C-alpha atoms as a PDB file:
ATOM      1  CA  MET A   1      -4.974  -6.060 -12.646  1.00  0.00           C
ATOM      2  CA  GLN A   2      -8.233  -7.967 -12.265  1.00  0.00           C
ATOM      3  CA  ALA A   3     -10.253  -4.756 -12.548  1.00  0.00           C
ATOM      4  CA  LEU A   4      -8.401  -3.749 -15.707  1.00  0.00           C
ATOM      5  CA  LEU A   5      -8.884  -7.205 -17.209  1.00  0.00           C
ATOM      6  CA  LEU A   6     -12.609  -7.053 -16.434  1.00  0.00           C
ATOM      7  CA  GLN A   7     -12.846  -3.697 -18.210  1.00  0.00           C
ATOM      8  CA  CYS A   8     -11.186  -5.223 -21.276  1.00  0.00           C
ATOM      9  CA  LEU A   9     -13.398  -8.319 -21.196  1.00  0.00           C
ATOM     10  CA  SER A  10     -16.538  -6.223 -20.890  1.00  0.00           C
ATOM     11  CA  PHE A  11     -15.750  -4.277 -24.078  1.00  0.00           C
ATOM     12  CA  PRO A  12     -16.912  -6.956 -26.587  1.00  0.00           C
ATOM     13  CA  LEU A  13     -20.134  -7.429 -24.631  1.00  0.00           C
ATOM     14  CA  THR A  14     -20.653  -3.664 -24.641  1.00  0.00           C
ATOM     15  CA  LEU A  15     -20.178  -3.607 -28.416  1.00  0.00           C
ATOM     16  CA  LEU A  16     -22.816  -6.314 -28.777  1.00  0.00           C
ATOM     17  CA  ILE A  17     -25.303  -4.481 -26.557  1.00  0.00           C
ATOM     18  CA  VAL A  18     -24.789  -1.188 -28.385  1.00  0.00           C
ATOM     19  CA  PHE A  19     -25.127  -2.934 -31.756  1.00  0.00           C
ATOM     20  CA  LEU A  20     -28.449  -4.490 -30.702  1.00  0.00           C
ATOM     21  CA  LEU A  21     -29.695  -1.157 -29.385  1.00  0.00           C
ATOM     22  CA  ALA A  22     -28.708   0.569 -32.622  1.00  0.00           C
ATOM     23  CA  ARG A  23     -30.542  -2.048 -34.695  1.00  0.00           C
ATOM     24  CA  ASN A  24     -33.661  -1.246 -32.707  1.00  0.00           C
ATOM     25  CA  GLY A  25     -33.402   2.432 -33.537  1.00  0.00           C
ATOM     26  CA  ALA A  26     -31.484   3.750 -30.517  1.00  0.00           C
ATOM     27  CA  SER A  27     -29.110   6.634 -31.157  1.00  0.00           C
ATOM     28  CA  LEU A  28     -26.148   6.444 -28.763  1.00  0.00           C
ATOM     29  CA  SER A  29     -23.370   8.943 -28.134  1.00  0.00           C
ATOM     30  CA  TYR A  30     -19.854   8.135 -26.968  1.00  0.00           C
ATOM     31  CA  ALA A  31     -20.968   9.054 -23.452  1.00  0.00           C
ATOM     32  CA  ASP A  32     -23.839   6.561 -23.723  1.00  0.00           C
ATOM     33  CA  PHE A  33     -21.398   3.905 -24.905  1.00  0.00           C
ATOM     34  CA  ALA A  34     -19.104   4.671 -21.956  1.00  0.00           C
ATOM     35  CA  LEU A  35     -22.041   4.378 -19.551  1.00  0.00           C
ATOM     36  CA  VAL A  36     -22.998   0.969 -20.960  1.00  0.00           C
ATOM     37  CA  GLN A  37     -19.351  -0.107 -20.702  1.00  0.00           C
ATOM     38  CA  GLY A  38     -19.237   0.979 -17.074  1.00  0.00           C
ATOM     39  CA  ILE A  39     -22.454  -0.881 -16.220  1.00  0.00           C
ATOM     40  CA  VAL A  40     -21.229  -4.078 -17.882  1.00  0.00           C
ATOM     41  CA  ALA A  41     -17.856  -3.794 -16.131  1.00  0.00           C
ATOM     42  CA  CYS A  42     -19.681  -3.307 -12.801  1.00  0.00           C
ATOM     43  CA  ALA A  43     -21.729  -6.441 -13.393  1.00  0.00           C
ATOM     44  CA  MET A  44     -18.632  -8.498 -14.226  1.00  0.00           C
ATOM     45  CA  THR A  45     -16.803  -7.064 -11.224  1.00  0.00           C
ATOM     46  CA  ARG A  46     -19.687  -8.041  -8.980  1.00  0.00           C
ATOM     47  CA  LEU A  47     -19.720 -11.561 -10.395  1.00  0.00           C
ATOM     48  CA  ARG A  48     -15.959 -11.821  -9.880  1.00  0.00           C
ATOM     49  CA  GLY A  49     -16.391 -10.898  -6.213  1.00  0.00           C
ATOM     50  CA  LEU A  50     -14.029  -7.928  -6.032  1.00  0.00           C
ATOM     51  CA  ALA A  51     -14.382  -5.463  -3.150  1.00  0.00           C
ATOM     52  CA  VAL A  52     -17.531  -3.370  -3.339  1.00  0.00           C
ATOM     53  CA  TRP A  53     -15.639  -0.099  -3.810  1.00  0.00           C
ATOM     54  CA  TRP A  54     -14.395  -1.381  -7.168  1.00  0.00           C
ATOM     55  CA  LEU A  55     -17.955  -1.068  -8.501  1.00  0.00           C
ATOM     56  CA  GLY A  56     -17.826   2.721  -8.405  1.00  0.00           C
ATOM     57  CA  ILE A  57     -14.401   2.784 -10.026  1.00  0.00           C
ATOM     58  CA  GLN A  58     -15.492   0.440 -12.807  1.00  0.00           C
ATOM     59  CA  LEU A  59     -18.603   2.532 -13.501  1.00  0.00           C
ATOM     60  CA  VAL A  60     -16.820   5.875 -13.580  1.00  0.00           C
ATOM     61  CA  PHE A  61     -13.647   4.805 -15.409  1.00  0.00           C
ATOM     62  CA  PRO A  62     -15.072   4.696 -19.000  1.00  0.00           C
ATOM     63  CA  LEU A  63     -16.931   7.989 -18.443  1.00  0.00           C
ATOM     64  CA  ALA A  64     -13.785   9.630 -17.053  1.00  0.00           C
ATOM     65  CA  LEU A  65     -11.782   8.348 -20.011  1.00  0.00           C
ATOM     66  CA  THR A  66     -14.318   9.791 -22.450  1.00  0.00           C
ATOM     67  CA  GLY A  67     -14.241  13.130 -20.635  1.00  0.00           C
ATOM     68  CA  ALA A  68     -10.452  13.191 -20.633  1.00  0.00           C
ATOM     69  CA  LEU A  69     -10.371  12.627 -24.396  1.00  0.00           C
ATOM     70  CA  LYS A  70     -12.638  15.640 -24.895  1.00  0.00           C
ATOM     71  CA  LEU A  71     -10.245  17.812 -22.901  1.00  0.00           C
ATOM     72  CA  ASP A  72      -7.532  17.084 -25.490  1.00  0.00           C
ATOM     73  CA  ILE A  73      -4.852  16.740 -22.808  1.00  0.00           C
ATOM     74  CA  PRO A  74      -1.322  16.269 -24.229  1.00  0.00           C
ATOM     75  CA  PRO A  75      -0.301  12.580 -24.185  1.00  0.00           C
ATOM     76  CA  LEU A  76       2.988  13.452 -22.471  1.00  0.00           C
ATOM     77  CA  LEU A  77       1.023  14.623 -19.438  1.00  0.00           C
ATOM     78  CA  PHE A  78      -0.616  11.199 -19.168  1.00  0.00           C
ATOM     79  CA  LEU A  79       2.784   9.557 -19.555  1.00  0.00           C
ATOM     80  CA  GLY A  80       4.275  11.762 -16.856  1.00  0.00           C
ATOM     81  CA  LEU A  81       1.407  11.004 -14.475  1.00  0.00           C
ATOM     82  CA  PHE A  82       1.710   7.283 -15.195  1.00  0.00           C
ATOM     83  CA  LEU A  83       5.458   7.302 -14.504  1.00  0.00           C
ATOM     84  CA  PHE A  84       4.923   9.268 -11.283  1.00  0.00           C
ATOM     85  CA  LEU A  85       2.306   6.807 -10.015  1.00  0.00           C
ATOM     86  CA  LEU A  86       4.463   3.873 -11.088  1.00  0.00           C
ATOM     87  CA  ALA A  87       7.406   5.222  -9.099  1.00  0.00           C
ATOM     88  CA  LEU A  88       5.129   5.910  -6.116  1.00  0.00           C
ATOM     89  CA  TYR A  89       3.273   2.589  -5.961  1.00  0.00           C
ATOM     90  CA  TRP A  90       5.560   0.304  -8.011  1.00  0.00           C
ATOM     91  CA  SER A  91       4.461  -3.317  -7.429  1.00  0.00           C
ATOM     92  CA  THR A  92       1.389  -2.599  -5.286  1.00  0.00           C
ATOM     93  CA  PHE A  93      -0.602  -4.857  -7.636  1.00  0.00           C
ATOM     94  CA  ARG A  94       1.612  -7.745  -6.460  1.00  0.00           C
ATOM     95  CA  THR A  95       2.217  -6.907  -2.808  1.00  0.00           C
ATOM     96  CA  GLN A  96      -1.250  -5.390  -2.210  1.00  0.00           C
ATOM     97  CA  VAL A  97       0.420  -2.879   0.096  1.00  0.00           C
ATOM     98  CA  PRO A  98      -0.327   0.740  -0.893  1.00  0.00           C
ATOM     99  CA  TYR A  99       1.296   3.757   0.705  1.00  0.00           C
ATOM    100  CA  TYR A 100       0.053   4.134   4.294  1.00  0.00           C
ATOM    101  CA  PRO A 101       1.664   6.909   6.361  1.00  0.00           C
ATOM    102  CA  SER A 102       1.732   6.383  10.127  1.00  0.00           C
ATOM    103  CA  GLY A 103       1.723   9.193  12.675  1.00  0.00           C
ATOM    104  CA  LYS A 104       3.106  10.568  15.926  1.00  0.00           C
ATOM    105  CA  TRP A 105       0.843   8.524  18.197  1.00  0.00           C
ATOM    106  CA  VAL A 106       2.191   5.183  17.052  1.00  0.00           C
ATOM    107  CA  TRP A 107       5.763   6.488  16.998  1.00  0.00           C
ATOM    108  CA  ASN A 108       5.408   7.492  20.641  1.00  0.00           C
ATOM    109  CA  GLU A 109       4.003   4.085  21.570  1.00  0.00           C
ATOM    110  CA  VAL A 110       6.786   2.217  19.787  1.00  0.00           C
ATOM    111  CA  ASP A 111       9.345   4.367  21.563  1.00  0.00           C
ATOM    112  CA  GLN A 112       7.809   3.365  24.902  1.00  0.00           C
ATOM    113  CA  LEU A 113       7.754  -0.343  24.016  1.00  0.00           C
ATOM    114  CA  LEU A 114      11.339  -0.679  22.831  1.00  0.00           C
ATOM    115  CA  PRO A 115      13.944  -1.498  25.518  1.00  0.00           C
ATOM    116  CA  LYS A 116      16.029   1.454  26.646  1.00  0.00           C
ATOM    117  CA  ASP A 117      18.844  -0.441  28.367  1.00  0.00           C
ATOM    118  CA  LYS A 118      20.750  -1.423  25.208  1.00  0.00           C
ATOM    119  CA  PRO A 119      21.381  -0.356  21.592  1.00  0.00           C
ATOM    120  CA  LEU A 120      18.879  -1.858  19.153  1.00  0.00           C
ATOM    121  CA  LEU A 121      18.745  -2.712  15.495  1.00  0.00           C
ATOM    122  CA  VAL A 122      15.228  -1.956  14.222  1.00  0.00           C
ATOM    123  CA  ILE A 123      13.744  -2.419  10.747  1.00  0.00           C
ATOM    124  CA  ASP A 124      10.723  -0.534   9.417  1.00  0.00           C
ATOM    125  CA  ILE A 125       9.079  -2.677   6.714  1.00  0.00           C
ATOM    126  CA  GLY A 126       7.472  -0.555   4.026  1.00  0.00           C
ATOM    127  CA  SER A 127       9.040   2.643   5.313  1.00  0.00           C
ATOM    128  CA  GLY A 128       7.345   4.956   2.796  1.00  0.00           C
ATOM    129  CA  LEU A 129       8.615   8.518   3.095  1.00  0.00           C
ATOM    130  CA  GLY A 130      10.645   7.587   6.162  1.00  0.00           C
ATOM    131  CA  GLY A 131       8.769   9.470   8.886  1.00  0.00           C
ATOM    132  CA  PHE A 132       8.864   6.697  11.490  1.00  0.00           C
ATOM    133  CA  THR A 133      12.489   5.722  10.853  1.00  0.00           C
ATOM    134  CA  LEU A 134      13.758   9.311  10.896  1.00  0.00           C
ATOM    135  CA  ASP A 135      11.844  10.168  14.061  1.00  0.00           C
ATOM    136  CA  MET A 136      13.024   7.082  15.933  1.00  0.00           C
ATOM    137  CA  ALA A 137      16.628   7.605  14.850  1.00  0.00           C
ATOM    138  CA  ARG A 138      16.437  11.113  16.326  1.00  0.00           C
ATOM    139  CA  ARG A 139      14.955   9.850  19.607  1.00  0.00           C
ATOM    140  CA  ARG A 140      17.314   6.882  19.971  1.00  0.00           C
ATOM    141  CA  PRO A 141      20.766   7.955  18.730  1.00  0.00           C
ATOM    142  CA  GLU A 142      22.362   4.909  20.370  1.00  0.00           C
ATOM    143  CA  SER A 143      20.322   2.529  18.170  1.00  0.00           C
ATOM    144  CA  VAL A 144      20.229   1.853  14.439  1.00  0.00           C
ATOM    145  CA  PHE A 145      16.961   2.286  12.557  1.00  0.00           C
ATOM    146  CA  VAL A 146      16.627   0.996   9.009  1.00  0.00           C
ATOM    147  CA  GLY A 147      13.741   1.508   6.598  1.00  0.00           C
ATOM    148  CA  ILE A 148      13.148  -0.779   3.645  1.00  0.00           C
ATOM    149  CA  GLU A 149      10.877   0.323   0.805  1.00  0.00           C
ATOM    150  CA  LEU A 150      10.143  -1.316  -2.538  1.00  0.00           C
ATOM    151  CA  ALA A 151       8.714   1.685  -4.422  1.00  0.00           C
ATOM    152  CA  PRO A 152      11.476   3.871  -5.945  1.00  0.00           C
ATOM    153  CA  LEU A 153      10.021   7.326  -5.314  1.00  0.00           C
ATOM    154  CA  PRO A 154       9.257   6.980  -1.569  1.00  0.00           C
ATOM    155  CA  TRP A 155      12.632   5.301  -1.060  1.00  0.00           C
ATOM    156  CA  LEU A 156      14.455   8.130  -2.863  1.00  0.00           C
ATOM    157  CA  LEU A 157      12.640  10.824  -0.912  1.00  0.00           C
ATOM    158  CA  SER A 158      13.334   9.130   2.427  1.00  0.00           C
ATOM    159  CA  PHE A 159      16.984   8.604   1.462  1.00  0.00           C
ATOM    160  CA  LEU A 160      17.332  12.309   0.588  1.00  0.00           C
ATOM    161  CA  ARG A 161      15.566  13.359   3.797  1.00  0.00           C
ATOM    162  CA  ALA A 162      18.078  11.366   5.817  1.00  0.00           C
ATOM    163  CA  ARG A 163      21.025  12.812   3.927  1.00  0.00           C
ATOM    164  CA  LEU A 164      19.829  16.425   4.102  1.00  0.00           C
ATOM    165  CA  SER A 165      19.053  16.200   7.811  1.00  0.00           C
ATOM    166  CA  ALA A 166      22.283  14.325   8.620  1.00  0.00           C
ATOM    167  CA  SER A 167      20.186  11.599  10.217  1.00  0.00           C
ATOM    168  CA  ARG A 168      21.681   8.270  11.268  1.00  0.00           C
ATOM    169  CA  ALA A 169      18.654   6.526   9.811  1.00  0.00           C
ATOM    170  CA  ARG A 170      19.373   4.205   6.904  1.00  0.00           C
ATOM    171  CA  PHE A 171      17.079   3.484   3.973  1.00  0.00           C
ATOM    172  CA  VAL A 172      17.294   0.472   1.686  1.00  0.00           C
ATOM    173  CA  ARG A 173      15.344  -0.098  -1.492  1.00  0.00           C
ATOM    174  CA  GLY A 174      14.160  -3.682  -1.757  1.00  0.00           C
ATOM    175  CA  ASP A 175      11.693  -6.382  -0.763  1.00  0.00           C
ATOM    176  CA  TYR A 176      11.618  -7.399   2.884  1.00  0.00           C
ATOM    177  CA  ASP A 177      11.223 -11.013   1.758  1.00  0.00           C
ATOM    178  CA  ASN A 178      14.951 -10.892   1.028  1.00  0.00           C
ATOM    179  CA  LEU A 179      15.832  -9.823   4.583  1.00  0.00           C
ATOM    180  CA  ASP A 180      16.865 -12.108   7.405  1.00  0.00           C
ATOM    181  CA  LEU A 181      14.694 -10.915  10.278  1.00  0.00           C
ATOM    182  CA  SER A 182      16.896 -12.715  12.800  1.00  0.00           C
ATOM    183  CA  ASN A 183      19.300  -9.775  12.499  1.00  0.00           C
ATOM    184  CA  TYR A 184      16.847  -7.353  14.114  1.00  0.00           C
ATOM    185  CA  ASP A 185      15.767  -6.694  17.682  1.00  0.00           C
ATOM    186  CA  ALA A 186      12.464  -5.216  16.562  1.00  0.00           C
ATOM    187  CA  VAL A 187      10.416  -5.196  13.365  1.00  0.00           C
ATOM    188  CA  PHE A 188       7.823  -2.495  12.723  1.00  0.00           C
ATOM    189  CA  ALA A 189       5.294  -2.925   9.919  1.00  0.00           C
ATOM    190  CA  TYR A 190       2.440  -0.877   8.526  1.00  0.00           C
ATOM    191  CA  LEU A 191       1.360  -2.980   5.563  1.00  0.00           C
ATOM    192  CA  SER A 192      -2.139  -4.206   4.664  1.00  0.00           C
ATOM    193  CA  PRO A 193      -4.429  -7.113   5.611  1.00  0.00           C
ATOM    194  CA  ALA A 194      -3.343  -9.015   2.501  1.00  0.00           C
ATOM    195  CA  ALA A 195       0.301  -9.050   3.622  1.00  0.00           C
ATOM    196  CA  MET A 196      -0.069 -10.070   7.252  1.00  0.00           C
ATOM    197  CA  SER A 197      -0.115 -13.854   6.829  1.00  0.00           C
ATOM    198  CA  GLY A 198       3.071 -13.725   4.774  1.00  0.00           C
ATOM    199  CA  LEU A 199       4.711 -11.450   7.348  1.00  0.00           C
ATOM    200  CA  TRP A 200       3.840 -13.828  10.172  1.00  0.00           C
ATOM    201  CA  SER A 201       5.086 -16.860   8.246  1.00  0.00           C
ATOM    202  CA  LYS A 202       8.465 -15.185   7.759  1.00  0.00           C
ATOM    203  CA  ALA A 203       8.696 -13.664  11.242  1.00  0.00           C
ATOM    204  CA  SER A 204       7.776 -16.895  13.058  1.00  0.00           C
ATOM    205  CA  LYS A 205      10.586 -18.716  11.263  1.00  0.00           C
ATOM    206  CA  GLU A 206      13.308 -16.074  11.520  1.00  0.00           C
ATOM    207  CA  MET A 207      12.867 -13.730  14.465  1.00  0.00           C
ATOM    208  CA  ARG A 208      15.064 -14.631  17.421  1.00  0.00           C
ATOM    209  CA  PRO A 209      14.058 -15.021  21.085  1.00  0.00           C
ATOM    210  CA  GLY A 210      13.771 -11.668  22.849  1.00  0.00           C
ATOM    211  CA  SER A 211      12.806  -9.748  19.703  1.00  0.00           C
ATOM    212  CA  ILE A 212       9.454  -8.067  19.051  1.00  0.00           C
ATOM    213  CA  LEU A 213       7.208  -7.690  16.012  1.00  0.00           C
ATOM    214  CA  LEU A 214       4.968  -4.595  15.900  1.00  0.00           C
ATOM    215  CA  SER A 215       2.148  -4.013  13.428  1.00  0.00           C
ATOM    216  CA  TYR A 216       0.194  -0.797  13.201  1.00  0.00           C
ATOM    217  CA  GLU A 217      -3.533  -1.182  12.422  1.00  0.00           C
ATOM    218  CA  PHE A 218      -3.445  -4.606  10.787  1.00  0.00           C
ATOM    219  CA  LEU A 219      -3.798  -7.777  12.829  1.00  0.00           C
ATOM    220  CA  ILE A 220      -2.077 -11.107  12.316  1.00  0.00           C
ATOM    221  CA  THR A 221      -4.882 -13.653  12.609  1.00  0.00           C
ATOM    222  CA  GLU A 222      -2.630 -16.686  13.030  1.00  0.00           C
ATOM    223  CA  LYS A 223      -1.367 -15.606  16.468  1.00  0.00           C
ATOM    224  CA  THR A 224      -3.073 -13.714  19.277  1.00  0.00           C
ATOM    225  CA  PRO A 225      -1.104 -10.512  19.931  1.00  0.00           C
ATOM    226  CA  ASP A 226       0.747 -10.089  23.216  1.00  0.00           C
ATOM    227  CA  ILE A 227       0.246  -6.322  23.044  1.00  0.00           C
ATOM    228  CA  ILE A 228      -2.800  -4.313  21.955  1.00  0.00           C
ATOM    229  CA  LEU A 229      -2.581  -0.541  22.376  1.00  0.00           C
ATOM    230  CA  MET A 230      -5.559   1.618  21.474  1.00  0.00           C
ATOM    231  CA  PRO A 231      -5.283   5.376  20.885  1.00  0.00           C
ATOM    232  CA  THR A 232      -7.439   7.801  22.792  1.00  0.00           C
ATOM    233  CA  GLY A 233     -10.030   9.114  20.372  1.00  0.00           C
ATOM    234  CA  ARG A 234      -9.847   8.194  16.728  1.00  0.00           C
ATOM    235  CA  GLY A 235      -7.086   6.042  15.309  1.00  0.00           C
ATOM    236  CA  ALA A 236      -5.907   2.497  14.689  1.00  0.00           C
ATOM    237  CA  PRO A 237      -4.452   0.076  17.271  1.00  0.00           C
ATOM    238  CA  LEU A 238      -0.859  -1.028  17.585  1.00  0.00           C
ATOM    239  CA  TYR A 239      -0.313  -4.790  17.912  1.00  0.00           C
ATOM    240  CA  GLY A 240       2.779  -6.551  19.218  1.00  0.00           C
ATOM    241  CA  TRP A 241       4.137 -10.094  19.407  1.00  0.00           C
ATOM    242  CA  HIS A 242       7.042 -11.197  21.615  1.00  0.00           C
ATOM    243  CA  PHE A 243       9.394 -13.952  20.515  1.00  0.00           C
END
């Protein structure tokens, strides 16, 4: 949202620059205008202090838009792509948690960490397409694994995967802020750095003694982890906190 706002705010300044250049005899094409717009947006983005990778996006966006207009692509295609991305990412602009798929390594490690002497109730926060939840439900038929996902499209796909495979895994569409984490023996999360402080604030208040919080890749800075597991070769660590 900030990047989009900066693009909009840079437009009047771009108009002024192009007007001054034209008064001095410069002949500018639409592509030239788009390049000036991108440079101005980059400068404003830098001043705002956004992440450095936004600079490339801000520079290329006006040029890409100009190129797309020349292709004369049907507007319905843009609408369809927008609706698809909206259903996929939903409120990422608010949560700052994009879609991150985990993999077999971390699933294996979680399986080793979870107690095997009793049935468990486990929640996967931000379950995406449901890979972790489905795999764990297959490995641990005596336990209940639940995935919660805010974005409609990943939730729907994971729900259908569970139904079609007759899995015992359950998938709920919603925000984990509305959950009571005291109901769960284990919480697994693969979110983003921006969400970790909020997760810890909620978990430290609600999770009951004997439960465990697991986070793949992203560290909670407020509390030193009790568990740090590193993969052999390339990959991200798995962190754990006992309650």
